[in-house]
Amino acid sequence: MSDSTKEKQDNKVLKKKAEPAYTKTEILAAAHVFGVTVDVMAGALRRVDKEQLTRAEIEKAIQNFKGKQV
């Protein structure tokens, strides 16, 4: 493979769109998409400082919340 072909492939990887981010209001409204209640989602989001989150960040917040000792 030539260097220019490899560069083009590397550029394609870099040009992929970033994962969309959602506001906390949008996330709460779509709590069912993540298989949790609005109450669980609210608890998970309460611990997050950011106002917009990606799907991966939302899932991580839910897992962290569910794993907390009460």
PDB file of N, CA and C in Angstrom:
ATOM      1  N   MET A   1       0.835  -1.159   0.000  1.00  0.00           N
ATOM      2  CA  MET A   1       0.000   0.000   0.000  1.00  0.00           C
ATOM      3  C   MET A   1       0.889   1.233   0.000  1.00  0.00           C
ATOM      4  N   SER A   2       0.562   2.194  -0.823  1.00  0.00           N
ATOM      5  CA  SER A   2       1.382   3.396  -0.903  1.00  0.00           C
ATOM      6  C   SER A   2       1.068   4.325   0.269  1.00  0.00           C
ATOM      7  N   ASP A   3       1.988   5.264   0.497  1.00  0.00           N
ATOM      8  CA  ASP A   3       1.810   6.200   1.603  1.00  0.00           C
ATOM      9  C   ASP A   3       0.577   7.073   1.408  1.00  0.00           C
ATOM     10  N   SER A   4       0.307   7.495   0.164  1.00  0.00           N
ATOM     11  CA  SER A   4      -0.844   8.369  -0.081  1.00  0.00           C
ATOM     12  C   SER A   4      -2.160   7.631   0.166  1.00  0.00           C
ATOM     13  N   THR A   5      -2.207   6.353  -0.165  1.00  0.00           N
ATOM     14  CA  THR A   5      -3.418   5.567   0.082  1.00  0.00           C
ATOM     15  C   THR A   5      -3.649   5.421   1.578  1.00  0.00           C
ATOM     16  N   LYS A   6      -2.571   5.184   2.308  1.00  0.00           N
ATOM     17  CA  LYS A   6      -2.680   5.044   3.762  1.00  0.00           C
ATOM     18  C   LYS A   6      -3.139   6.365   4.379  1.00  0.00           C
ATOM     19  N   GLU A   7      -2.621   7.486   3.891  1.00  0.00           N
ATOM     20  CA  GLU A   7      -3.028   8.792   4.402  1.00  0.00           C
ATOM     21  C   GLU A   7      -4.512   9.027   4.162  1.00  0.00           C
ATOM     22  N   LYS A   8      -4.998   8.654   2.985  1.00  0.00           N
ATOM     23  CA  LYS A   8      -6.411   8.843   2.664  1.00  0.00           C
ATOM     24  C   LYS A   8      -7.281   8.021   3.604  1.00  0.00           C
ATOM     25  N   GLN A   9      -6.863   6.802   3.902  1.00  0.00           N
ATOM     26  CA  GLN A   9      -7.630   5.958   4.813  1.00  0.00           C
ATOM     27  C   GLN A   9      -7.621   6.542   6.223  1.00  0.00           C
ATOM     28  N   ASP A  10      -6.482   7.051   6.648  1.00  0.00           N
ATOM     29  CA  ASP A  10      -6.387   7.668   7.966  1.00  0.00           C
ATOM     30  C   ASP A  10      -7.294   8.890   8.048  1.00  0.00           C
ATOM     31  N   ASN A  11      -7.334   9.681   6.976  1.00  0.00           N
ATOM     32  CA  ASN A  11      -8.176  10.869   6.949  1.00  0.00           C
ATOM     33  C   ASN A  11      -9.654  10.500   7.026  1.00  0.00           C
ATOM     34  N   LYS A  12     -10.046   9.404   6.379  1.00  0.00           N
ATOM     35  CA  LYS A  12     -11.442   8.973   6.429  1.00  0.00           C
ATOM     36  C   LYS A  12     -11.838   8.630   7.854  1.00  0.00           C
ATOM     37  N   VAL A  13     -10.945   8.010   8.578  1.00  0.00           N
ATOM     38  CA  VAL A  13     -11.228   7.662   9.965  1.00  0.00           C
ATOM     39  C   VAL A  13     -11.403   8.930  10.790  1.00  0.00           C
ATOM     40  N   LEU A  14     -10.569   9.927  10.559  1.00  0.00           N
ATOM     41  CA  LEU A  14     -10.640  11.173  11.310  1.00  0.00           C
ATOM     42  C   LEU A  14     -11.874  11.987  10.948  1.00  0.00           C
ATOM     43  N   LYS A  15     -12.377  11.841   9.729  1.00  0.00           N
ATOM     44  CA  LYS A  15     -13.495  12.644   9.269  1.00  0.00           C
ATOM     45  C   LYS A  15     -14.852  12.093   9.688  1.00  0.00           C
ATOM     46  N   LYS A  16     -14.879  10.948  10.353  1.00  0.00           N
ATOM     47  CA  LYS A  16     -16.153  10.405  10.814  1.00  0.00           C
ATOM     48  C   LYS A  16     -16.809  11.412  11.739  1.00  0.00           C
ATOM     49  N   LYS A  17     -18.124  11.500  11.633  1.00  0.00           N
ATOM     50  CA  LYS A  17     -18.857  12.448  12.460  1.00  0.00           C
ATOM     51  C   LYS A  17     -18.757  12.061  13.929  1.00  0.00           C
ATOM     52  N   ALA A  18     -18.701  13.077  14.749  1.00  0.00           N
ATOM     53  CA  ALA A  18     -18.684  12.846  16.188  1.00  0.00           C
ATOM     54  C   ALA A  18     -20.062  12.352  16.617  1.00  0.00           C
ATOM     55  N   GLU A  19     -20.095  11.592  17.683  1.00  0.00           N
ATOM     56  CA  GLU A  19     -21.361  11.081  18.192  1.00  0.00           C
ATOM     57  C   GLU A  19     -22.230  12.264  18.641  1.00  0.00           C
ATOM     58  N   PRO A  20     -23.518  12.255  18.307  1.00  0.00           N
ATOM     59  CA  PRO A  20     -24.376  13.387  18.692  1.00  0.00           C
ATOM     60  C   PRO A  20     -24.516  13.490  20.205  1.00  0.00           C
ATOM     61  N   ALA A  21     -24.679  14.716  20.667  1.00  0.00           N
ATOM     62  CA  ALA A  21     -24.863  14.965  22.095  1.00  0.00           C
ATOM     63  C   ALA A  21     -26.298  15.433  22.330  1.00  0.00           C
ATOM     64  N   TYR A  22     -26.846  15.074  23.471  1.00  0.00           N
ATOM     65  CA  TYR A  22     -28.228  15.387  23.803  1.00  0.00           C
ATOM     66  C   TYR A  22     -28.278  16.151  25.117  1.00  0.00           C
ATOM     67  N   THR A  23     -29.249  17.063  25.232  1.00  0.00           N
ATOM     68  CA  THR A  23     -29.410  17.816  26.473  1.00  0.00           C
ATOM     69  C   THR A  23     -30.041  16.917  27.530  1.00  0.00           C
ATOM     70  N   LYS A  24     -29.916  17.322  28.768  1.00  0.00           N
ATOM     71  CA  LYS A  24     -30.484  16.527  29.859  1.00  0.00           C
ATOM     72  C   LYS A  24     -32.007  16.420  29.727  1.00  0.00           C
ATOM     73  N   THR A  25     -32.653  17.468  29.232  1.00  0.00           N
ATOM     74  CA  THR A  25     -34.105  17.438  29.035  1.00  0.00           C
ATOM     75  C   THR A  25     -34.491  16.390  28.003  1.00  0.00           C
ATOM     76  N   GLU A  26     -33.742  16.350  26.900  1.00  0.00           N
ATOM     77  CA  GLU A  26     -34.001  15.352  25.858  1.00  0.00           C
ATOM     78  C   GLU A  26     -33.775  13.938  26.391  1.00  0.00           C
ATOM     79  N   ILE A  27     -32.740  13.792  27.183  1.00  0.00           N
ATOM     80  CA  ILE A  27     -32.401  12.473  27.730  1.00  0.00           C
ATOM     81  C   ILE A  27     -33.491  11.989  28.686  1.00  0.00           C
ATOM     82  N   LEU A  28     -33.963  12.879  29.544  1.00  0.00           N
ATOM     83  CA  LEU A  28     -35.028  12.501  30.477  1.00  0.00           C
ATOM     84  C   LEU A  28     -36.290  12.083  29.734  1.00  0.00           C
ATOM     85  N   ALA A  29     -36.615  12.797  28.668  1.00  0.00           N
ATOM     86  CA  ALA A  29     -37.809  12.480  27.884  1.00  0.00           C
ATOM     87  C   ALA A  29     -37.685  11.123  27.196  1.00  0.00           C
ATOM     88  N   ALA A  30     -36.465  10.681  26.961  1.00  0.00           N
ATOM     89  CA  ALA A  30     -36.231   9.419  26.252  1.00  0.00           C
ATOM     90  C   ALA A  30     -35.655   8.344  27.170  1.00  0.00           C
ATOM     91  N   ALA A  31     -35.955   8.417  28.437  1.00  0.00           N
ATOM     92  CA  ALA A  31     -35.416   7.444  29.401  1.00  0.00           C
ATOM     93  C   ALA A  31     -35.762   6.014  29.008  1.00  0.00           C
ATOM     94  N   HIS A  32     -36.944   5.808  28.447  1.00  0.00           N
ATOM     95  CA  HIS A  32     -37.374   4.456  28.061  1.00  0.00           C
ATOM     96  C   HIS A  32     -36.467   3.833  27.004  1.00  0.00           C
ATOM     97  N   VAL A  33     -35.817   4.664  26.201  1.00  0.00           N
ATOM     98  CA  VAL A  33     -34.898   4.163  25.168  1.00  0.00           C
ATOM     99  C   VAL A  33     -33.724   3.426  25.817  1.00  0.00           C
ATOM    100  N   PHE A  34     -33.367   3.845  27.004  1.00  0.00           N
ATOM    101  CA  PHE A  34     -32.246   3.238  27.725  1.00  0.00           C
ATOM    102  C   PHE A  34     -32.710   2.147  28.689  1.00  0.00           C
ATOM    103  N   GLY A  35     -34.011   1.881  28.690  1.00  0.00           N
ATOM    104  CA  GLY A  35     -34.546   0.809  29.519  1.00  0.00           C
ATOM    105  C   GLY A  35     -34.625   1.138  30.995  1.00  0.00           C
ATOM    106  N   VAL A  36     -34.730   2.427  31.311  1.00  0.00           N
ATOM    107  CA  VAL A  36     -34.838   2.841  32.710  1.00  0.00           C
ATOM    108  C   VAL A  36     -36.020   3.794  32.863  1.00  0.00           C
ATOM    109  N   THR A  37     -36.430   4.002  34.106  1.00  0.00           N
ATOM    110  CA  THR A  37     -37.504   4.948  34.378  1.00  0.00           C
ATOM    111  C   THR A  37     -36.941   6.366  34.388  1.00  0.00           C
ATOM    112  N   VAL A  38     -37.843   7.327  34.355  1.00  0.00           N
ATOM    113  CA  VAL A  38     -37.426   8.730  34.410  1.00  0.00           C
ATOM    114  C   VAL A  38     -36.715   9.004  35.735  1.00  0.00           C
ATOM    115  N   ASP A  39     -37.178   8.375  36.805  1.00  0.00           N
ATOM    116  CA  ASP A  39     -36.555   8.573  38.120  1.00  0.00           C
ATOM    117  C   ASP A  39     -35.108   8.087  38.149  1.00  0.00           C
ATOM    118  N   VAL A  40     -34.861   6.926  37.570  1.00  0.00           N
ATOM    119  CA  VAL A  40     -33.498   6.389  37.513  1.00  0.00           C
ATOM    120  C   VAL A  40     -32.628   7.304  36.656  1.00  0.00           C
ATOM    121  N   MET A  41     -33.168   7.739  35.516  1.00  0.00           N
ATOM    122  CA  MET A  41     -32.402   8.618  34.628  1.00  0.00           C
ATOM    123  C   MET A  41     -32.084   9.935  35.327  1.00  0.00           C
ATOM    124  N   ALA A  42     -33.055  10.487  36.049  1.00  0.00           N
ATOM    125  CA  ALA A  42     -32.825  11.739  36.771  1.00  0.00           C
ATOM    126  C   ALA A  42     -31.716  11.569  37.804  1.00  0.00           C
ATOM    127  N   GLY A  43     -31.723  10.458  38.507  1.00  0.00           N
ATOM    128  CA  GLY A  43     -30.671  10.187  39.486  1.00  0.00           C
ATOM    129  C   GLY A  43     -29.308  10.058  38.841  1.00  0.00           C
ATOM    130  N   ALA A  44     -29.269   9.389  37.697  1.00  0.00           N
ATOM    131  CA  ALA A  44     -28.000   9.210  36.985  1.00  0.00           C
ATOM    132  C   ALA A  44     -27.472  10.546  36.469  1.00  0.00           C
ATOM    133  N   LEU A  45     -28.364  11.372  35.943  1.00  0.00           N
ATOM    134  CA  LEU A  45     -27.935  12.655  35.373  1.00  0.00           C
ATOM    135  C   LEU A  45     -27.571  13.668  36.450  1.00  0.00           C
ATOM    136  N   ARG A  46     -28.120  13.503  37.629  1.00  0.00           N
ATOM    137  CA  ARG A  46     -27.836  14.437  38.723  1.00  0.00           C
ATOM    138  C   ARG A  46     -26.343  14.446  39.070  1.00  0.00           C
ATOM    139  N   ARG A  47     -25.690  13.340  38.883  1.00  0.00           N
ATOM    140  CA  ARG A  47     -24.266  13.221  39.224  1.00  0.00           C
ATOM    141  C   ARG A  47     -23.338  13.693  38.101  1.00  0.00           C
ATOM    142  N   VAL A  48     -23.910  14.085  36.954  1.00  0.00           N
ATOM    143  CA  VAL A  48     -23.110  14.485  35.796  1.00  0.00           C
ATOM    144  C   VAL A  48     -23.087  16.008  35.710  1.00  0.00           C
ATOM    145  N   ASP A  49     -21.893  16.584  35.551  1.00  0.00           N
ATOM    146  CA  ASP A  49     -21.749  18.038  35.502  1.00  0.00           C
ATOM    147  C   ASP A  49     -22.068  18.634  34.134  1.00  0.00           C
ATOM    148  N   LYS A  50     -21.919  17.848  33.090  1.00  0.00           N
ATOM    149  CA  LYS A  50     -22.118  18.358  31.737  1.00  0.00           C
ATOM    150  C   LYS A  50     -23.602  18.562  31.444  1.00  0.00           C
ATOM    151  N   GLU A  51     -23.907  19.521  30.550  1.00  0.00           N
ATOM    152  CA  GLU A  51     -25.290  19.764  30.149  1.00  0.00           C
ATOM    153  C   GLU A  51     -25.686  18.930  28.940  1.00  0.00           C
ATOM    154  N   GLN A  52     -24.715  18.518  28.128  1.00  0.00           N
ATOM    155  CA  GLN A  52     -24.978  17.681  26.962  1.00  0.00           C
ATOM    156  C   GLN A  52     -24.111  16.437  27.043  1.00  0.00           C
ATOM    157  N   LEU A  53     -24.716  15.294  26.715  1.00  0.00           N
ATOM    158  CA  LEU A  53     -24.003  14.026  26.805  1.00  0.00           C
ATOM    159  C   LEU A  53     -24.232  13.190  25.557  1.00  0.00           C
ATOM    160  N   THR A  54     -23.257  12.352  25.257  1.00  0.00           N
ATOM    161  CA  THR A  54     -23.403  11.399  24.154  1.00  0.00           C
ATOM    162  C   THR A  54     -24.081  10.145  24.698  1.00  0.00           C
ATOM    163  N   ARG A  55     -24.488   9.275  23.799  1.00  0.00           N
ATOM    164  CA  ARG A  55     -25.150   8.024  24.218  1.00  0.00           C
ATOM    165  C   ARG A  55     -24.237   7.204  25.136  1.00  0.00           C
ATOM    166  N   ALA A  56     -22.964   7.133  24.790  1.00  0.00           N
ATOM    167  CA  ALA A  56     -22.015   6.367  25.607  1.00  0.00           C
ATOM    168  C   ALA A  56     -21.900   6.963  27.011  1.00  0.00           C
ATOM    169  N   GLU A  57     -21.871   8.281  27.099  1.00  0.00           N
ATOM    170  CA  GLU A  57     -21.778   8.941  28.406  1.00  0.00           C
ATOM    171  C   GLU A  57     -23.044   8.705  29.233  1.00  0.00           C
ATOM    172  N   ILE A  58     -24.192   8.688  28.559  1.00  0.00           N
ATOM    173  CA  ILE A  58     -25.458   8.436  29.249  1.00  0.00           C
ATOM    174  C   ILE A  58     -25.464   7.022  29.819  1.00  0.00           C
ATOM    175  N   GLU A  59     -25.079   6.059  29.000  1.00  0.00           N
ATOM    176  CA  GLU A  59     -25.058   4.665  29.455  1.00  0.00           C
ATOM    177  C   GLU A  59     -24.096   4.477  30.621  1.00  0.00           C
ATOM    178  N   LYS A  60     -22.960   5.158  30.559  1.00  0.00           N
ATOM    179  CA  LYS A  60     -21.985   5.069  31.650  1.00  0.00           C
ATOM    180  C   LYS A  60     -22.558   5.685  32.929  1.00  0.00           C
ATOM    181  N   ALA A  61     -23.256   6.803  32.797  1.00  0.00           N
ATOM    182  CA  ALA A  61     -23.861   7.452  33.962  1.00  0.00           C
ATOM    183  C   ALA A  61     -24.913   6.551  34.601  1.00  0.00           C
ATOM    184  N   ILE A  62     -25.699   5.867  33.773  1.00  0.00           N
ATOM    185  CA  ILE A  62     -26.716   4.946  34.290  1.00  0.00           C
ATOM    186  C   ILE A  62     -26.050   3.799  35.044  1.00  0.00           C
ATOM    187  N   GLN A  63     -25.011   3.223  34.463  1.00  0.00           N
ATOM    188  CA  GLN A  63     -24.320   2.108  35.118  1.00  0.00           C
ATOM    189  C   GLN A  63     -23.690   2.547  36.440  1.00  0.00           C
ATOM    190  N   ASN A  64     -23.093   3.740  36.451  1.00  0.00           N
ATOM    191  CA  ASN A  64     -22.498   4.255  37.687  1.00  0.00           C
ATOM    192  C   ASN A  64     -23.568   4.449  38.760  1.00  0.00           C
ATOM    193  N   PHE A  65     -24.714   4.972  38.346  1.00  0.00           N
ATOM    194  CA  PHE A  65     -25.805   5.213  39.288  1.00  0.00           C
ATOM    195  C   PHE A  65     -26.353   3.902  39.841  1.00  0.00           C
ATOM    196  N   LYS A  66     -26.545   2.943  38.990  1.00  0.00           N
ATOM    197  CA  LYS A  66     -27.087   1.652  39.430  1.00  0.00           C
ATOM    198  C   LYS A  66     -26.108   0.910  40.338  1.00  0.00           C
ATOM    199  N   GLY A  67     -24.824   1.162  40.172  1.00  0.00           N
ATOM    200  CA  GLY A  67     -23.814   0.465  40.959  1.00  0.00           C
ATOM    201  C   GLY A  67     -23.521   1.104  42.305  1.00  0.00           C
ATOM    202  N   LYS A  68     -24.091   2.274  42.573  1.00  0.00           N
ATOM    203  CA  LYS A  68     -23.831   2.976  43.831  1.00  0.00           C
ATOM    204  C   LYS A  68     -24.469   2.255  45.008  1.00  0.00           C
ATOM    205  N   GLN A  69     -23.770   2.249  46.121  1.00  0.00           N
ATOM    206  CA  GLN A  69     -24.308   1.693  47.365  1.00  0.00           C
ATOM    207  C   GLN A  69     -25.298   2.691  47.960  1.00  0.00           C
ATOM    208  N   VAL A  70     -26.350   2.177  48.546  1.00  0.00           N
ATOM    209  CA  VAL A  70     -27.353   3.056  49.151  1.00  0.00           C
ATOM    210  C   VAL A  70     -27.251   3.026  50.649  1.00  0.00           C
TER     211      VAL A  70
END
